[in-house]
Amino acid sequence: MEPNKLLDILHTAERLKDTLRHCDTSKGRRESVAEHSWRLALMAFFLRDEFPDTDMDRVIRMCLIHDLGECFTGDIPSFLKTDADTEKEDSLLEQWASGLPAPYNAEMGELYAEMNALQTPEAKLYKALDKLEAVIQHNEAPIATWLPREYDLNLTYANENVAFSPYLTELRAAIRRDTEEKIQRGE
């Protein structure tokens, strides 16, 4: 890839470092989209032995690119995001990704289509991890930063996404126990 084109791509992606999510870190600072994507990819890296028949390199690529559309729209919490918001983000991301040099434009297009369809083991795993990471981060954040609706949401979020995997179902149960303990402590 031509160096200036690579720099253009990286400058766009850098926006995610300053795009804040609706979640705080354990020390009470707003989390960035880039931080979320990094830890999501790290989760996939550490789960490769639990999913030996899954192309974890593909899952990690999905994790790394999944929120690039937020470079253009910012982060909208899942409980506030409308279909119109999703359409706008997807459209802007598609315009940007289609302008990337080959073969990256085609690869990203294929990955986004697969992620949106949620039919392959890789796409299902990425989506489950994406949602689980969000709950883990909420559990790590001070409870004073939670909205009232998040008490119930943190107990149920991602349940349907993990149902395909006994391991993820067990992980979700462990995360739920962390949520329950956090609520009980009130911290």
Protein backbone atom coordinates (compact mmCIF):
# COMPACT_ATOMS: atom_id res chain seq x y z
CA MET A 1 0.00 0.00 0.00
CA GLU A 2 1.21 3.45 -0.87
CA PRO A 3 2.49 5.10 2.35
CA ASN A 4 0.33 8.25 2.07
CA LYS A 5 -2.82 6.13 1.63
CA LEU A 6 -1.89 4.11 4.73
CA LEU A 7 -1.43 7.34 6.66
CA ASP A 8 -4.85 8.58 5.51
CA ILE A 9 -6.46 5.35 6.74
CA LEU A 10 -4.65 5.52 10.07
CA HIS A 11 -5.60 9.18 10.54
CA THR A 12 -9.27 8.25 10.08
CA ALA A 13 -8.99 5.31 12.47
CA GLU A 14 -7.28 7.55 15.04
CA ARG A 15 -10.62 9.27 15.57
CA LEU A 16 -11.70 6.23 17.59
CA LYS A 17 -9.14 7.13 20.25
CA ASP A 18 -11.11 10.32 20.92
CA THR A 19 -14.58 8.86 20.32
CA LEU A 20 -15.97 8.15 23.75
CA ARG A 21 -18.36 5.35 24.60
CA HIS A 22 -21.19 5.24 27.07
CA CYS A 23 -19.05 3.52 29.66
CA ASP A 24 -16.37 4.44 32.14
CA THR A 25 -13.13 2.71 33.00
CA SER A 26 -12.46 1.34 36.46
CA LYS A 27 -10.91 4.69 37.43
CA GLY A 28 -13.95 6.65 36.29
CA ARG A 29 -12.65 7.95 32.94
CA ARG A 30 -14.77 7.60 29.80
CA GLU A 31 -13.70 4.65 27.69
CA SER A 32 -12.85 5.25 24.03
CA VAL A 33 -14.09 3.14 21.15
CA ALA A 34 -10.47 2.24 20.39
CA GLU A 35 -10.01 0.85 23.90
CA HIS A 36 -13.15 -1.24 23.56
CA SER A 37 -12.03 -2.62 20.18
CA TRP A 38 -8.56 -3.44 21.51
CA ARG A 39 -9.88 -5.42 24.47
CA LEU A 40 -12.44 -7.14 22.30
CA ALA A 41 -9.65 -8.35 19.98
CA LEU A 42 -7.65 -9.44 23.05
CA MET A 43 -10.63 -11.48 24.28
CA ALA A 44 -10.75 -13.27 20.92
CA PHE A 45 -7.02 -13.94 21.09
CA PHE A 46 -7.35 -15.61 24.48
CA LEU A 47 -10.34 -17.72 23.45
CA ARG A 48 -8.78 -19.43 20.45
CA ASP A 49 -8.36 -22.72 22.35
CA GLU A 50 -12.03 -22.68 23.35
CA PHE A 51 -13.08 -22.43 19.69
CA PRO A 52 -10.58 -24.62 17.79
CA ASP A 53 -12.81 -24.94 14.70
CA THR A 54 -13.31 -21.18 14.40
CA ASP A 55 -11.02 -18.96 12.32
CA MET A 56 -9.88 -16.74 15.19
CA ASP A 57 -7.74 -14.59 12.91
CA ARG A 58 -10.98 -13.69 11.13
CA VAL A 59 -12.72 -13.04 14.47
CA ILE A 60 -9.86 -10.77 15.58
CA ARG A 61 -10.11 -8.84 12.29
CA MET A 62 -13.85 -8.42 12.88
CA CYS A 63 -13.17 -7.17 16.40
CA LEU A 64 -10.62 -4.65 15.16
CA ILE A 65 -12.84 -3.15 12.47
CA HIS A 66 -16.33 -3.58 13.94
CA ASP A 67 -16.75 0.00 15.20
CA LEU A 68 -14.89 1.90 12.46
CA GLY A 69 -18.20 3.44 11.40
CA GLU A 70 -18.14 5.37 14.65
CA CYS A 71 -15.24 7.41 13.20
CA PHE A 72 -17.98 9.17 11.24
CA THR A 73 -20.98 9.14 13.60
CA GLY A 74 -19.62 8.81 17.10
CA ASP A 75 -20.82 6.18 19.54
CA ILE A 76 -24.52 5.84 20.25
CA PRO A 77 -25.40 3.49 23.12
CA SER A 78 -27.26 0.39 21.96
CA PHE A 79 -30.37 1.32 23.95
CA LEU A 80 -30.58 4.70 22.16
CA LYS A 81 -29.45 3.71 18.65
CA THR A 82 -32.23 3.79 16.05
CA ASP A 83 -32.45 2.02 12.71
CA ALA A 84 -31.82 5.41 11.07
CA ASP A 85 -28.62 5.80 13.12
CA THR A 86 -27.46 2.34 12.04
CA GLU A 87 -28.26 3.04 8.38
CA LYS A 88 -26.32 6.31 8.46
CA GLU A 89 -23.30 4.71 10.13
CA ASP A 90 -23.34 1.76 7.72
CA SER A 91 -23.64 4.04 4.70
CA LEU A 92 -20.75 6.28 5.73
CA LEU A 93 -18.60 3.27 6.59
CA GLU A 94 -19.39 1.60 3.27
CA GLN A 95 -18.44 4.76 1.37
CA TRP A 96 -15.14 4.96 3.23
CA ALA A 97 -14.30 1.25 3.01
CA SER A 98 -15.10 1.07 -0.71
CA GLY A 99 -12.49 3.78 -1.29
CA LEU A 100 -9.74 1.75 0.33
CA PRO A 101 -7.12 0.21 -1.94
CA ALA A 102 -7.56 -3.37 -3.11
CA PRO A 103 -7.63 -5.95 -1.61
CA TYR A 104 -8.63 -4.20 1.64
CA ASN A 105 -11.81 -2.68 0.23
CA ALA A 106 -13.11 -6.11 -0.80
CA GLU A 107 -11.97 -7.80 2.40
CA MET A 108 -13.63 -5.20 4.60
CA GLY A 109 -16.80 -5.36 2.55
CA GLU A 110 -16.89 -9.14 2.95
CA LEU A 111 -16.21 -8.94 6.68
CA TYR A 112 -18.94 -6.34 7.26
CA ALA A 113 -21.45 -8.39 5.24
CA GLU A 114 -20.58 -11.49 7.26
CA MET A 115 -20.77 -9.59 10.55
CA ASN A 116 -24.18 -8.13 9.66
CA ALA A 117 -25.59 -11.51 8.59
CA LEU A 118 -24.49 -13.21 11.85
CA GLN A 119 -24.60 -16.65 10.20
CA THR A 120 -21.02 -17.91 10.50
CA PRO A 121 -19.39 -19.13 13.72
CA GLU A 122 -16.90 -16.27 13.41
CA ALA A 123 -19.57 -13.58 13.16
CA LYS A 124 -21.58 -15.07 16.01
CA LEU A 125 -18.50 -15.22 18.21
CA TYR A 126 -17.43 -11.66 17.42
CA LYS A 127 -20.93 -10.32 18.21
CA ALA A 128 -21.18 -12.24 21.48
CA LEU A 129 -17.76 -11.01 22.58
CA ASP A 130 -18.63 -7.43 21.59
CA LYS A 131 -21.63 -7.46 23.88
CA LEU A 132 -19.89 -9.34 26.69
CA GLU A 133 -16.99 -6.89 26.69
CA ALA A 134 -19.44 -4.04 27.19
CA VAL A 135 -20.95 -5.73 30.25
CA ILE A 136 -17.51 -6.55 31.66
CA GLN A 137 -16.54 -2.89 31.29
CA HIS A 138 -19.72 -1.75 33.03
CA ASN A 139 -18.94 -4.14 35.87
CA GLU A 140 -15.49 -2.56 36.16
CA ALA A 141 -16.83 1.01 36.12
CA PRO A 142 -18.02 2.71 39.31
CA ILE A 143 -21.69 1.87 39.82
CA ALA A 144 -22.37 5.59 40.28
CA THR A 145 -21.83 5.92 36.51
CA TRP A 146 -24.63 3.45 35.69
CA LEU A 147 -27.99 4.63 34.44
CA PRO A 148 -31.02 3.11 36.22
CA ARG A 149 -31.86 0.96 33.16
CA GLU A 150 -28.36 -0.57 33.23
CA TYR A 151 -29.00 -2.52 36.41
CA ASP A 152 -31.39 -4.85 34.57
CA LEU A 153 -29.59 -4.56 31.24
CA ASN A 154 -26.29 -5.77 32.70
CA LEU A 155 -28.06 -8.89 33.95
CA THR A 156 -29.54 -9.83 30.56
CA TYR A 157 -27.47 -8.15 27.81
CA ALA A 158 -25.95 -10.68 25.37
CA ASN A 159 -27.96 -13.67 26.65
CA GLU A 160 -29.30 -14.41 23.17
CA ASN A 161 -25.87 -13.89 21.59
CA VAL A 162 -24.09 -16.47 23.74
CA ALA A 163 -26.78 -19.19 23.53
CA PHE A 164 -24.99 -20.97 20.64
CA SER A 165 -21.97 -21.80 22.81
CA PRO A 166 -21.78 -23.65 26.14
CA TYR A 167 -18.50 -21.88 26.91
CA LEU A 168 -19.91 -18.41 26.24
CA THR A 169 -23.03 -19.27 28.22
CA GLU A 170 -20.79 -20.17 31.16
CA LEU A 171 -18.78 -16.98 30.69
CA ARG A 172 -22.01 -14.94 30.59
CA ALA A 173 -23.09 -16.58 33.88
CA ALA A 174 -19.78 -15.61 35.49
CA ILE A 175 -20.18 -12.02 34.24
CA ARG A 176 -23.75 -11.98 35.58
CA ARG A 177 -22.46 -13.07 39.01
CA ASP A 178 -19.99 -10.16 38.89
CA THR A 179 -22.89 -7.81 38.06
CA GLU A 180 -25.02 -9.17 40.91
CA GLU A 181 -22.14 -8.82 43.38
CA LYS A 182 -21.43 -5.27 42.19
CA ILE A 183 -25.09 -4.28 42.62
CA GLN A 184 -25.20 -5.87 46.04
CA ARG A 185 -22.03 -3.99 47.13
CA GLY A 186 -23.32 -0.79 45.56
CA GLU A 187 -19.89 0.24 44.30
